[in-house]
């Protein structure tokens, strides 16, 4: 990087309230410099125009500062910083620099820098920043970066749509999955728990019915001797019990349930083999006494034992079904909790995203509206925050650039109106002097005309007197003053004198006419001078109106 030397270490303070304005092309070549910048820098305008803007760069400013400035400007964003510039003689001055892109037809055609006096606090911070940058080679970047640059209104709206869609899909999947799991759990609870309970209960009921059929056969056959119907019932019950048991043993069972079921089935088989079959055989043989004895001594005790085993198995199945039901209920509760938590989290995310989106879009837009309203009111002193991102950030950047352009325009109008007012004052003074001289000349010309007119009149009288003298000379009358002169010569002299006087009178008359024309021209010129003076007065009044316009925006 170019380093400009020498440096004196002497500060040339920037006057408060003035703006140092310069413009460059996209390559940093100076194309415009206002009078304040020319005066502050110490360079002539010809030296500045066409030169690189780094002609005023001070060697104390780290290169990383200008790298950040150019990175920011190339992204179409404004840059602001406290900068130390070098004068031509080596002195320096501190400025609060605003640099913005100059765009036309949507393209950047150059850059404009507007500098004002920097505060002492800003200068101290800048010196500390320069020292830190010289040590680390880094400065806080203004060019933007990170994830926040993606937070545009368009991306936010798209992200919101995608998020809400995903939430609806997730909610639907969660709901459908929950219903499916609940349905499967209820189906499993029925088939794995309630079906075994139903099968064992039914088997136990049919065993009781078999005992009842035997008891009914004993009672009825003692009266009538008919056992065929009850024996058929015993056979049907046996077939149903076998079918139920075959279905039950195919179901998945644990070790404890299998042990209880085996014990129950053994008791049931013992009940059938040692109780029901002997009683049935005795009934079929008509030995009712033996059948009654078998029922009392074997069938009932074995039934009680099998019933006890069935009760133990049913209790186990009931406990198991209750535990499984509670597990299903807990799982359903968990699904509900997860669903509620998901909905709550989604709502919170939407809420926080909405708040952030509001702060990132609506608040900057409100600031932009406020800035535009201040500009509409004529207040250009406010500062626009250009740290935002996305569309709101672009709006604020546009407002800041427009405000800066308006400030420069007002400053140039102020300078131009002051120059117009000064020139008008000089012109008025010149016009007044010219009018006074014209009036004086007019008076002198008329005085000369009056004198010439009087001379012409005297010459005319003299010519008349000469003519009378000529007449007297022709008559031969002697004159006392010319007594020694010949009469003929006197007449000739009188005639010549009269002719000469008459010619001089005619010439004097022409001179008077010409002087009258000059006087008329002087009068006309005085009128034109007065008209020019009036126009200058109006132009000065226009300059005053421009001053009022500039003050309105101050």
Protein backbone atom coordinates (compact mmCIF):
# COMPACT_ATOMS: atom_id res chain seq x y z
CA UNK A 1 0.00 0.00 0.00
CA UNK A 2 1.23 3.49 -0.83
CA UNK A 3 2.59 5.44 2.15
CA UNK A 4 2.51 9.22 1.90
CA UNK A 5 5.37 11.13 3.51
CA UNK A 6 6.46 13.31 5.16
CA UNK A 7 4.23 13.68 8.23
CA UNK A 8 4.59 16.50 10.74
CA UNK A 9 2.41 15.19 13.55
CA UNK A 10 0.54 18.51 13.59
CA UNK A 11 -3.26 18.32 13.58
CA UNK A 12 -5.27 20.64 11.37
CA UNK A 13 -8.67 20.72 13.03
CA UNK A 14 -11.72 20.42 10.82
CA UNK A 15 -14.14 23.26 11.36
CA UNK A 16 -17.46 22.28 12.92
CA UNK A 17 -20.48 22.32 10.63
CA UNK A 18 -18.65 21.96 7.31
CA UNK A 19 -18.58 18.93 5.05
CA UNK A 20 -15.61 17.72 3.07
CA UNK A 21 -17.08 16.06 -0.03
CA UNK A 22 -15.34 14.10 -2.74
CA UNK A 23 -16.41 11.64 -5.40
CA UNK A 24 -14.45 8.92 -7.15
CA UNK A 25 -15.05 6.45 -9.91
CA UNK A 26 -15.19 2.73 -9.21
CA UNK A 27 -11.39 2.57 -9.26
CA UNK A 28 -10.92 5.27 -6.62
CA UNK A 29 -9.91 8.09 -8.99
CA UNK A 30 -11.11 11.50 -7.73
CA UNK A 31 -13.73 13.06 -10.03
CA UNK A 32 -15.06 15.81 -7.73
CA UNK A 33 -13.86 17.72 -4.68
CA UNK A 34 -15.73 20.55 -3.01
CA UNK A 35 -14.05 23.74 -1.84
CA UNK A 36 -13.95 22.64 1.79
CA UNK A 37 -12.11 19.44 0.94
CA UNK A 38 -9.66 21.29 -1.28
CA UNK A 39 -8.97 23.84 1.46
CA UNK A 40 -8.61 21.23 4.22
CA UNK A 41 -6.34 18.89 2.25
CA UNK A 42 -3.95 21.61 1.12
CA UNK A 43 -3.89 20.22 -2.42
CA UNK A 44 -5.10 22.24 -5.36
CA UNK A 45 -8.18 21.11 -7.20
CA UNK A 46 -6.09 20.23 -10.25
CA UNK A 47 -3.84 18.05 -8.06
CA UNK A 48 -6.82 16.18 -6.62
CA UNK A 49 -8.88 15.62 -9.77
CA UNK A 50 -7.65 12.61 -11.71
CA UNK A 51 -5.52 11.36 -8.81
CA UNK A 52 -6.13 8.30 -6.68
CA UNK A 53 -8.01 9.10 -3.51
CA UNK A 54 -5.20 7.60 -1.46
CA UNK A 55 -3.34 10.85 -2.06
CA UNK A 56 -4.76 11.96 1.32
CA UNK A 57 -4.18 8.62 3.06
CA UNK A 58 -2.15 8.85 6.25
CA UNK A 59 0.48 6.15 6.92
CA UNK A 60 -0.81 5.68 10.49
CA UNK A 61 -4.06 4.14 9.21
CA UNK A 62 -3.71 0.31 8.95
CA UNK A 63 -4.41 -1.14 5.47
CA UNK A 64 -7.02 -3.51 6.95
CA UNK A 65 -9.28 -0.48 7.59
CA UNK A 66 -9.41 0.37 3.89
CA UNK A 67 -9.78 -3.31 2.97
CA UNK A 68 -12.90 -3.45 5.12
CA UNK A 69 -14.13 -0.21 3.52
CA UNK A 70 -13.73 -1.53 -0.03
CA UNK A 71 -15.25 -4.92 0.85
CA UNK A 72 -18.27 -3.12 2.27
CA UNK A 73 -18.64 -0.74 -0.67
CA UNK A 74 -18.34 -3.51 -3.25
CA UNK A 75 -21.33 -5.20 -1.62
CA UNK A 76 -23.38 -2.06 -2.20
CA UNK A 77 -23.38 -1.09 1.48
CA UNK A 78 -22.35 2.23 3.07
CA UNK A 79 -19.25 2.42 5.23
CA UNK A 80 -18.61 4.70 8.18
CA UNK A 81 -15.52 5.21 10.28
CA UNK A 82 -13.21 7.67 11.98
CA UNK A 83 -10.29 8.27 9.61
CA UNK A 84 -7.01 10.11 9.90
CA UNK A 85 -6.11 11.91 6.65
CA UNK A 86 -2.89 13.61 5.61
CA UNK A 87 -2.57 17.17 4.31
CA UNK A 88 -0.21 18.08 1.50
CA UNK A 89 2.29 19.63 3.93
CA UNK A 90 2.33 16.55 6.18
CA UNK A 91 -0.21 17.75 8.76
CA UNK A 92 -3.20 15.54 9.53
CA UNK A 93 -6.89 15.93 10.26
CA UNK A 94 -9.46 13.58 11.77
CA UNK A 95 -12.86 13.13 10.13
CA UNK A 96 -16.02 11.13 10.66
CA UNK A 97 -16.21 9.64 7.17
CA UNK A 98 -19.37 8.37 5.48
CA UNK A 99 -18.70 6.58 2.20
CA UNK A 100 -21.61 5.43 0.03
CA UNK A 101 -21.98 3.92 -3.44
CA UNK A 102 -23.25 6.20 -6.19
CA UNK A 103 -25.65 4.27 -8.41
CA UNK A 104 -27.33 4.98 -11.70
CA UNK A 105 -29.66 2.72 -13.68
CA UNK A 106 -29.12 0.03 -11.04
CA UNK A 107 -25.33 0.03 -11.41
CA UNK A 108 -22.60 1.46 -9.19
CA UNK A 109 -20.81 4.21 -11.11
CA UNK A 110 -18.65 5.53 -8.29
CA UNK A 111 -18.42 6.39 -4.62
CA UNK A 112 -19.02 9.52 -2.57
CA UNK A 113 -17.26 10.37 0.67
CA UNK A 114 -18.74 12.92 3.06
CA UNK A 115 -16.58 13.86 6.02
CA UNK A 116 -17.36 15.96 9.07
CA UNK A 117 -15.36 16.85 12.14
CA UNK A 118 -14.71 13.84 14.40
CA UNK A 119 -15.25 14.11 18.15
CA UNK A 120 -12.34 13.68 20.54
CA UNK A 121 -13.96 10.54 21.94
CA UNK A 122 -14.20 9.04 18.44
CA UNK A 123 -10.58 9.97 17.76
CA UNK A 124 -9.39 8.23 20.94
CA UNK A 125 -11.34 5.08 20.01
CA UNK A 126 -9.93 5.18 16.48
CA UNK A 127 -6.36 5.48 17.77
CA UNK A 128 -6.91 2.46 20.01
CA UNK A 129 -8.46 0.58 17.09
CA UNK A 130 -5.54 1.44 14.83
CA UNK A 131 -3.09 0.18 17.43
CA UNK A 132 -5.02 -3.07 17.85
CA UNK A 133 -5.32 -3.53 14.08
CA UNK A 134 -1.60 -2.95 13.63
CA UNK A 135 -0.93 -5.65 16.24
CA UNK A 136 -3.52 -8.27 15.16
CA UNK A 137 -4.21 -7.34 11.55
CA UNK A 138 -7.97 -7.38 12.19
CA UNK A 139 -10.75 -4.82 12.65
CA UNK A 140 -14.49 -5.19 13.31
CA UNK A 141 -15.96 -5.84 9.89
CA UNK A 142 -18.76 -3.68 8.51
CA UNK A 143 -19.14 -5.69 5.34
CA UNK A 144 -21.57 -8.11 6.99
CA UNK A 145 -21.41 -11.88 7.21
CA UNK A 146 -22.50 -14.91 9.14
CA UNK A 147 -25.88 -16.50 9.14
CA UNK A 148 -27.71 -13.19 9.62
CA UNK A 149 -27.13 -12.21 6.00
CA UNK A 150 -29.60 -14.94 5.03
CA UNK A 151 -32.35 -13.48 7.24
CA UNK A 152 -34.30 -11.80 4.49
CA UNK A 153 -38.05 -11.40 4.33
CA UNK A 154 -38.16 -13.83 1.42
CA UNK A 155 -36.09 -16.46 3.21
CA UNK A 156 -38.01 -15.90 6.44
CA UNK A 157 -41.36 -16.39 4.73
CA UNK A 158 -40.11 -19.51 2.94
CA UNK A 159 -38.61 -20.87 6.15
CA UNK A 160 -41.84 -20.19 8.01
CA UNK A 161 -43.89 -22.02 5.37
CA UNK A 162 -41.51 -24.98 5.42
CA UNK A 163 -41.46 -25.07 9.23
CA UNK A 164 -45.25 -24.94 9.56
CA UNK A 165 -45.56 -27.61 6.87
CA UNK A 166 -43.05 -29.84 8.66
CA UNK A 167 -44.87 -29.26 11.94
CA UNK A 168 -48.15 -30.31 10.37
CA UNK A 169 -46.49 -33.37 8.83
CA UNK A 170 -44.81 -34.24 12.14
CA UNK A 171 -48.09 -33.75 13.99
CA UNK A 172 -49.89 -35.95 11.49
CA UNK A 173 -47.21 -38.64 11.71
CA UNK A 174 -47.24 -38.47 15.49
CA UNK A 175 -51.02 -38.67 15.63
CA UNK A 176 -51.30 -41.48 13.11
CA UNK A 177 -48.42 -43.37 14.74
CA UNK A 178 -49.96 -42.89 18.15
CA UNK A 179 -53.33 -44.16 16.97
CA UNK A 180 -51.69 -47.09 15.21
CA UNK A 181 -49.64 -48.01 18.27
CA UNK A 182 -52.68 -47.62 20.48
CA UNK A 183 -54.74 -49.81 18.15
CA UNK A 184 -51.98 -52.40 18.01
CA UNK A 185 -51.61 -52.29 21.77
CA UNK A 186 -55.34 -52.77 22.31
CA UNK A 187 -55.39 -55.58 19.76
CA UNK A 188 -52.38 -57.21 21.40
CA UNK A 189 -53.95 -56.74 24.82
CA UNK A 190 -57.05 -58.52 23.62
CA UNK A 191 -55.38 -61.35 21.75
CA UNK A 192 -52.51 -61.91 24.17
CA UNK A 193 -54.25 -61.27 27.44
CA UNK A 194 -58.04 -61.32 27.11
CA UNK A 195 -58.19 -64.30 24.72
CA UNK A 196 -56.27 -66.58 27.17
CA UNK A 197 -58.48 -65.38 30.03
CA UNK A 198 -61.54 -66.09 27.95
CA UNK A 199 -60.24 -69.52 26.89
CA UNK A 200 -59.28 -70.62 30.44
CA UNK A 201 -62.49 -69.23 31.83
CA UNK A 202 -64.51 -71.05 29.21
CA UNK A 203 -62.65 -74.31 29.82
CA UNK A 204 -63.25 -73.94 33.55
CA UNK A 205 -66.92 -73.24 32.87
CA UNK A 206 -67.23 -76.32 30.65
CA UNK A 207 -65.54 -78.45 33.36
CA UNK A 208 -68.12 -77.20 35.81
CA UNK A 209 -70.82 -77.93 33.26
CA UNK A 210 -69.47 -81.50 32.91
CA UNK A 211 -69.74 -81.97 36.64
CA UNK A 212 -73.26 -80.56 36.52
CA UNK A 213 -74.16 -82.91 33.67
CA UNK A 214 -73.00 -85.87 35.78
CA UNK A 215 -75.01 -84.59 38.76
CA UNK A 216 -78.09 -84.07 36.59
CA UNK A 217 -77.68 -87.55 35.10
CA UNK A 218 -77.64 -89.07 38.59
CA UNK A 219 -80.72 -87.12 39.64
CA UNK A 220 -82.75 -87.57 36.50
CA UNK A 221 -81.74 -91.17 35.90
CA UNK A 222 -82.68 -92.12 39.39
CA UNK A 223 -86.15 -91.05 38.40
CA UNK A 224 -86.24 -91.92 34.71
CA UNK A 225 -83.04 -93.82 33.80
CA UNK A 226 -82.24 -91.52 30.75
CA UNK A 227 -78.56 -90.49 30.38
CA UNK A 228 -78.14 -90.04 26.62
CA UNK A 229 -78.62 -86.25 26.50
CA UNK A 230 -76.21 -85.61 29.30
CA UNK A 231 -73.61 -87.90 27.81
CA UNK A 232 -73.86 -86.01 24.50
CA UNK A 233 -73.31 -82.76 26.39
CA UNK A 234 -70.20 -84.25 27.98
CA UNK A 235 -68.85 -85.11 24.53
CA UNK A 236 -69.54 -81.66 23.11
CA UNK A 237 -67.85 -80.05 26.10
CA UNK A 238 -64.81 -82.25 25.64
CA UNK A 239 -64.43 -81.31 22.00
CA UNK A 240 -64.80 -77.59 22.77
CA UNK A 241 -62.32 -77.81 25.64
CA UNK A 242 -59.78 -79.50 23.39
CA UNK A 243 -60.27 -76.85 20.70
CA UNK A 244 -59.93 -74.00 23.25
CA UNK A 245 -56.82 -75.52 24.75
CA UNK A 246 -55.21 -76.05 21.36
CA UNK A 247 -55.85 -72.37 20.55
CA UNK A 248 -54.49 -71.23 23.90
CA UNK A 249 -51.24 -73.16 23.76
CA UNK A 250 -50.41 -71.52 20.41
CA UNK A 251 -50.37 -68.07 22.03
CA UNK A 252 -47.00 -66.62 23.19
CA UNK A 253 -46.51 -67.33 26.90
CA UNK A 254 -43.90 -66.67 29.50
CA UNK A 255 -42.22 -69.22 31.72
CA UNK A 256 -44.42 -68.55 34.73
CA UNK A 257 -47.62 -68.64 32.69
CA UNK A 258 -46.51 -71.86 30.97
CA UNK A 259 -45.85 -73.49 34.36
CA UNK A 260 -49.24 -72.45 35.71
CA UNK A 261 -50.96 -73.58 32.52
CA UNK A 262 -49.21 -76.95 32.58
CA UNK A 263 -50.18 -77.47 36.22
CA UNK A 264 -53.77 -76.56 35.42
CA UNK A 265 -53.91 -78.87 32.41
CA UNK A 266 -52.45 -81.73 34.39
CA UNK A 267 -55.07 -81.17 37.09
CA UNK A 268 -57.75 -81.03 34.43
CA UNK A 269 -56.52 -84.27 32.81
CA UNK A 270 -56.38 -85.89 36.23
CA UNK A 271 -59.92 -84.64 36.79
CA UNK A 272 -61.02 -86.17 33.47
CA UNK A 273 -59.11 -89.44 33.76
CA UNK A 274 -59.75 -90.17 37.41
CA UNK A 275 -63.12 -88.50 37.89
CA UNK A 276 -65.15 -87.72 34.80
CA UNK A 277 -64.42 -90.80 32.75
CA UNK A 278 -65.12 -93.34 35.58
CA UNK A 279 -68.35 -91.52 36.42
CA UNK A 280 -69.37 -91.51 32.76
CA UNK A 281 -68.60 -95.20 32.36
CA UNK A 282 -70.64 -96.01 35.49
CA UNK A 283 -73.55 -93.95 34.17
CA UNK A 284 -73.37 -95.58 30.76
CA UNK A 285 -73.40 -99.02 32.50
CA UNK A 286 -76.36 -97.95 34.65
CA UNK A 287 -74.39 -98.31 37.88
CA UNK A 288 -75.70 -95.16 39.44
CA UNK A 289 -74.44 -96.01 42.89
CA UNK A 290 -70.88 -96.40 41.62
CA UNK A 291 -71.27 -93.15 39.59
CA UNK A 292 -72.44 -91.30 42.69
CA UNK A 293 -69.56 -92.69 44.73
CA UNK A 294 -67.04 -91.67 42.02
CA UNK A 295 -68.56 -88.20 41.96
CA UNK A 296 -68.35 -87.77 45.70
CA UNK A 297 -64.96 -89.31 46.22
CA UNK A 298 -63.06 -88.43 43.04
CA UNK A 299 -64.90 -86.07 40.66
CA UNK A 300 -65.62 -83.26 43.10
CA UNK A 301 -62.20 -83.22 44.82
CA UNK A 302 -60.40 -83.35 41.45
CA UNK A 303 -62.63 -80.60 40.10
CA UNK A 304 -61.83 -78.45 43.12
CA UNK A 305 -58.12 -79.04 42.52
CA UNK A 306 -58.44 -78.19 38.81
CA UNK A 307 -60.59 -75.18 39.65
CA UNK A 308 -57.95 -74.01 42.12
CA UNK A 309 -55.29 -74.33 39.38
CA UNK A 310 -57.55 -72.46 36.96
CA UNK A 311 -58.08 -69.69 39.51
CA UNK A 312 -54.31 -69.35 39.96
CA UNK A 313 -53.81 -69.18 36.18
CA UNK A 314 -56.67 -66.70 35.77
CA UNK A 315 -55.27 -64.52 38.56
CA UNK A 316 -51.88 -64.51 36.84
CA UNK A 317 -53.48 -63.68 33.50
CA UNK A 318 -55.53 -60.93 35.10
CA UNK A 319 -52.47 -59.40 36.74
CA UNK A 320 -50.58 -59.70 33.48
CA UNK A 321 -53.45 -58.11 31.54
CA UNK A 322 -53.66 -55.31 34.07
CA UNK A 323 -49.90 -54.69 33.87
CA UNK A 324 -50.02 -54.68 30.09
CA UNK A 325 -53.00 -52.35 30.15
CA UNK A 326 -51.15 -49.98 32.44
CA UNK A 327 -48.12 -50.17 30.14
CA UNK A 328 -50.35 -49.37 27.17
CA UNK A 329 -51.95 -46.54 29.14
CA UNK A 330 -48.50 -45.18 30.06
CA UNK A 331 -47.38 -45.40 26.46
CA UNK A 332 -50.50 -43.59 25.32
CA UNK A 333 -49.90 -41.01 28.02
CA UNK A 334 -46.32 -40.66 26.81
CA UNK A 335 -47.57 -40.17 23.27
CA UNK A 336 -49.95 -37.50 24.52
CA UNK A 337 -47.15 -35.83 26.47
CA UNK A 338 -44.85 -35.95 23.46
CA UNK A 339 -47.61 -34.57 21.24
CA UNK A 340 -48.37 -31.77 23.70
CA UNK A 341 -44.66 -31.07 24.12
CA UNK A 342 -44.20 -31.04 20.36
CA UNK A 343 -47.14 -28.69 19.88
CA UNK A 344 -45.90 -26.47 22.70
CA UNK A 345 -42.36 -26.45 21.34
CA UNK A 346 -43.66 -25.72 17.87
CA UNK A 347 -45.80 -22.87 19.17
CA UNK A 348 -42.85 -21.47 21.14
CA UNK A 349 -40.59 -21.76 18.11
CA UNK A 350 -43.18 -20.04 15.95
CA UNK A 351 -43.63 -17.39 18.64
CA UNK A 352 -39.90 -16.75 19.04
CA UNK A 353 -39.40 -16.85 15.28
CA UNK A 354 -42.29 -14.43 14.88
CA UNK A 355 -40.83 -12.08 17.50
CA UNK A 356 -37.39 -12.27 15.89
CA UNK A 357 -38.90 -11.81 12.43
CA UNK A 358 -40.89 -8.84 13.77
CA UNK A 359 -37.77 -7.28 15.29
CA UNK A 360 -35.70 -8.03 12.18
CA UNK A 361 -38.26 -6.67 9.69
CA UNK A 362 -41.00 -4.54 11.19
CA UNK A 363 -38.82 -2.59 13.64
CA UNK A 364 -36.25 -1.60 10.96
CA UNK A 365 -39.06 -0.72 8.59
CA UNK A 366 -40.60 1.46 11.29
CA UNK A 367 -37.21 3.11 11.74
CA UNK A 368 -37.04 3.66 7.99
CA UNK A 369 -40.52 5.20 8.02
CA UNK A 370 -39.47 7.44 10.91
CA UNK A 371 -36.31 8.49 9.05
CA UNK A 372 -38.31 9.26 5.90
CA UNK A 373 -40.82 11.26 7.93
CA UNK A 374 -37.96 13.26 9.48
CA UNK A 375 -36.55 13.92 6.01
CA UNK A 376 -40.01 14.98 4.82
CA UNK A 377 -40.12 17.40 7.76
CA UNK A 378 -36.78 18.85 6.66
CA UNK A 379 -34.68 17.20 9.37
CA UNK A 380 -31.51 15.69 7.92
CA UNK A 381 -29.63 15.50 11.22
CA UNK A 382 -30.78 12.02 12.23
CA UNK A 383 -28.63 8.94 11.75
CA UNK A 384 -29.99 5.90 9.90
CA UNK A 385 -29.00 2.49 11.29
CA UNK A 386 -27.52 0.49 8.43
CA UNK A 387 -26.55 -2.57 10.48
CA UNK A 388 -29.65 -4.55 9.46
CA UNK A 389 -29.83 -7.36 6.93
CA UNK A 390 -32.17 -8.42 4.18
CA UNK A 391 -34.83 -6.18 2.70
CA UNK A 392 -35.21 -3.98 5.84
CA UNK A 393 -31.45 -3.48 5.89
CA UNK A 394 -31.52 -2.51 2.22
CA UNK A 395 -34.31 -0.02 2.94
CA UNK A 396 -32.32 1.55 5.78
CA UNK A 397 -29.21 1.60 3.60
CA UNK A 398 -31.17 3.37 0.86
CA UNK A 399 -32.52 5.87 3.38
CA UNK A 400 -29.00 6.53 4.71
CA UNK A 401 -27.58 7.02 1.21
CA UNK A 402 -30.46 9.29 0.19
CA UNK A 403 -30.07 11.32 3.38
CA UNK A 404 -26.34 11.71 2.74
CA UNK A 405 -26.95 12.79 -0.87
CA UNK A 406 -29.51 15.34 0.35
CA UNK A 407 -27.02 16.69 2.89
CA UNK A 408 -24.43 17.13 0.15
CA UNK A 409 -27.00 18.74 -2.15
CA UNK A 410 -28.07 21.14 0.59
CA UNK A 411 -24.44 21.96 1.29
CA UNK A 412 -23.75 22.63 -2.40
CA UNK A 413 -26.92 24.73 -2.66
CA UNK A 414 -25.80 26.69 0.40
CA UNK A 415 -22.40 27.35 -1.16
CA UNK A 416 -23.95 28.23 -4.52
CA UNK A 417 -26.52 30.55 -2.97
CA UNK A 418 -23.76 32.27 -0.99
CA UNK A 419 -21.74 32.72 -4.16
CA UNK A 420 -24.80 34.04 -6.00
CA UNK A 421 -25.54 36.46 -3.19
CA UNK A 422 -21.94 37.70 -3.14
CA UNK A 423 -21.84 38.16 -6.93
CA UNK A 424 -25.21 39.89 -6.84
CA UNK A 425 -23.90 42.26 -4.19
CA UNK A 426 -20.87 43.07 -6.33
CA UNK A 427 -23.05 43.48 -9.40
CA UNK A 428 -25.43 45.77 -7.52
CA UNK A 429 -22.52 47.89 -6.35
CA UNK A 430 -21.19 48.11 -9.91
CA UNK A 431 -24.63 48.92 -11.26
CA UNK A 432 -25.15 51.63 -8.66
CA UNK A 433 -21.79 53.18 -9.52
CA UNK A 434 -22.57 52.95 -13.22
CA UNK A 435 -25.98 54.52 -12.66
CA UNK A 436 -24.41 57.33 -10.68
CA UNK A 437 -21.80 57.91 -13.41
CA UNK A 438 -24.50 57.80 -16.07
CA UNK A 439 -26.49 60.40 -14.17
CA UNK A 440 -23.42 62.58 -13.80
CA UNK A 441 -22.58 62.23 -17.49
CA UNK A 442 -26.18 62.97 -18.36
CA UNK A 443 -26.07 66.19 -16.35
CA UNK A 444 -22.70 67.23 -17.85
CA UNK A 445 -23.87 66.51 -21.38
CA UNK A 446 -26.97 68.61 -20.88
CA UNK A 447 -24.86 71.36 -19.36
CA UNK A 448 -22.61 71.23 -22.43
CA UNK A 449 -25.66 71.22 -24.71
CA UNK A 450 -27.02 74.26 -22.95
CA UNK A 451 -23.66 76.03 -23.26
CA UNK A 452 -23.37 75.06 -26.93
CA UNK A 453 -26.90 76.23 -27.56
CA UNK A 454 -26.12 79.56 -25.94
CA UNK A 455 -22.95 79.86 -28.03
CA UNK A 456 -24.89 79.03 -31.18
CA UNK A 457 -27.43 81.67 -30.30
CA UNK A 458 -24.59 84.22 -29.67
CA UNK A 459 -23.00 83.36 -32.96
CA UNK A 460 -26.34 83.81 -34.65
CA UNK A 461 -26.67 87.28 -33.14
CA UNK A 462 -23.08 88.04 -34.11
CA UNK A 463 -23.88 86.97 -37.68
CA UNK A 464 -26.85 89.26 -37.71
CA UNK A 465 -24.72 92.13 -36.44
CA UNK A 466 -22.13 91.36 -39.14
CA UNK A 467 -24.82 91.44 -41.76
CA UNK A 468 -26.01 94.85 -40.52
CA UNK A 469 -22.43 96.08 -40.59
CA UNK A 470 -22.15 94.84 -44.15
CA UNK A 471 -25.28 96.73 -45.08
CA UNK A 472 -23.93 99.92 -43.48
CA UNK A 473 -20.63 99.48 -45.24
CA UNK A 474 -22.35 99.13 -48.57
CA UNK A 475 -24.25 102.39 -47.94
CA UNK A 476 -20.92 104.15 -47.36
CA UNK A 477 -21.57 105.03 -43.75
CA UNK A 478 -18.35 105.41 -41.84
CA UNK A 479 -17.88 103.71 -38.55
CA UNK A 480 -15.85 105.35 -35.86
CA UNK A 481 -13.81 102.28 -35.05
CA UNK A 482 -12.89 101.65 -38.73
CA UNK A 483 -12.47 105.18 -39.98
CA UNK A 484 -9.16 104.49 -41.70
CA UNK A 485 -10.39 101.39 -43.53
CA UNK A 486 -11.50 101.39 -47.14
CA UNK A 487 -15.27 100.99 -47.49
CA UNK A 488 -15.00 98.15 -50.05
CA UNK A 489 -12.62 96.18 -47.92
CA UNK A 490 -14.87 96.72 -44.92
CA UNK A 491 -17.84 95.37 -46.75
CA UNK A 492 -15.88 92.35 -47.88
CA UNK A 493 -14.62 91.66 -44.34
CA UNK A 494 -18.14 92.01 -42.93
CA UNK A 495 -19.44 89.64 -45.53
CA UNK A 496 -16.74 87.07 -44.82
CA UNK A 497 -17.31 87.42 -41.09
CA UNK A 498 -21.03 86.90 -41.42
CA UNK A 499 -20.51 83.83 -43.57
CA UNK A 500 -17.95 82.36 -41.14
CA UNK A 501 -20.20 83.06 -38.17
CA UNK A 502 -23.16 81.54 -39.96
CA UNK A 503 -21.16 78.40 -40.78
CA UNK A 504 -19.95 78.13 -37.20
CA UNK A 505 -23.50 78.54 -35.96
CA UNK A 506 -24.64 75.77 -38.30
CA UNK A 507 -21.75 73.52 -37.11
CA UNK A 508 -22.59 74.31 -33.50
CA UNK A 509 -26.19 73.36 -34.20
CA UNK A 510 -25.10 69.98 -35.57
CA UNK A 511 -22.91 69.45 -32.48
CA UNK A 512 -25.82 70.25 -30.23
CA UNK A 513 -27.97 67.72 -32.11
CA UNK A 514 -25.32 65.07 -31.75
CA UNK A 515 -24.91 65.84 -28.05
CA UNK A 516 -28.68 65.56 -27.65
CA UNK A 517 -28.50 62.10 -29.20
CA UNK A 518 -25.69 61.20 -26.78
CA UNK A 519 -27.80 62.44 -23.91
CA UNK A 520 -30.70 60.28 -25.12
CA UNK A 521 -28.38 57.24 -25.27
CA UNK A 522 -27.18 58.00 -21.74
CA UNK A 523 -30.81 58.13 -20.59
CA UNK A 524 -31.56 54.81 -22.28
CA UNK A 525 -28.38 53.28 -20.82
CA UNK A 526 -29.40 54.48 -17.37
CA UNK A 527 -32.75 52.75 -17.79
CA UNK A 528 -31.05 49.51 -18.81
CA UNK A 529 -28.69 49.78 -15.84
CA UNK A 530 -31.66 50.22 -13.54
CA UNK A 531 -33.32 47.17 -15.14
CA UNK A 532 -30.15 45.11 -14.66
CA UNK A 533 -29.97 46.30 -11.06
CA UNK A 534 -33.59 45.20 -10.50
CA UNK A 535 -32.80 41.78 -12.04
CA UNK A 536 -29.79 41.47 -9.75
CA UNK A 537 -32.03 42.31 -6.81
CA UNK A 538 -34.43 39.55 -7.83
CA UNK A 539 -31.55 37.09 -8.22
CA UNK A 540 -30.29 38.01 -4.75
CA UNK A 541 -33.78 37.45 -3.40
CA UNK A 542 -33.74 34.01 -5.08
CA UNK A 543 -30.46 33.26 -3.32
CA UNK A 544 -32.09 34.26 -0.04
CA UNK A 545 -34.95 31.86 -0.76
CA UNK A 546 -32.39 29.10 -1.39
CA UNK A 547 -30.82 29.92 1.97
CA UNK A 548 -34.21 29.53 3.61
CA UNK A 549 -34.63 26.16 1.86
CA UNK A 550 -31.23 25.01 3.12
CA UNK A 551 -32.02 26.19 6.65
CA UNK A 552 -35.28 24.24 6.50
CA UNK A 553 -33.25 21.04 6.03
CA UNK A 554 -30.61 21.92 8.64
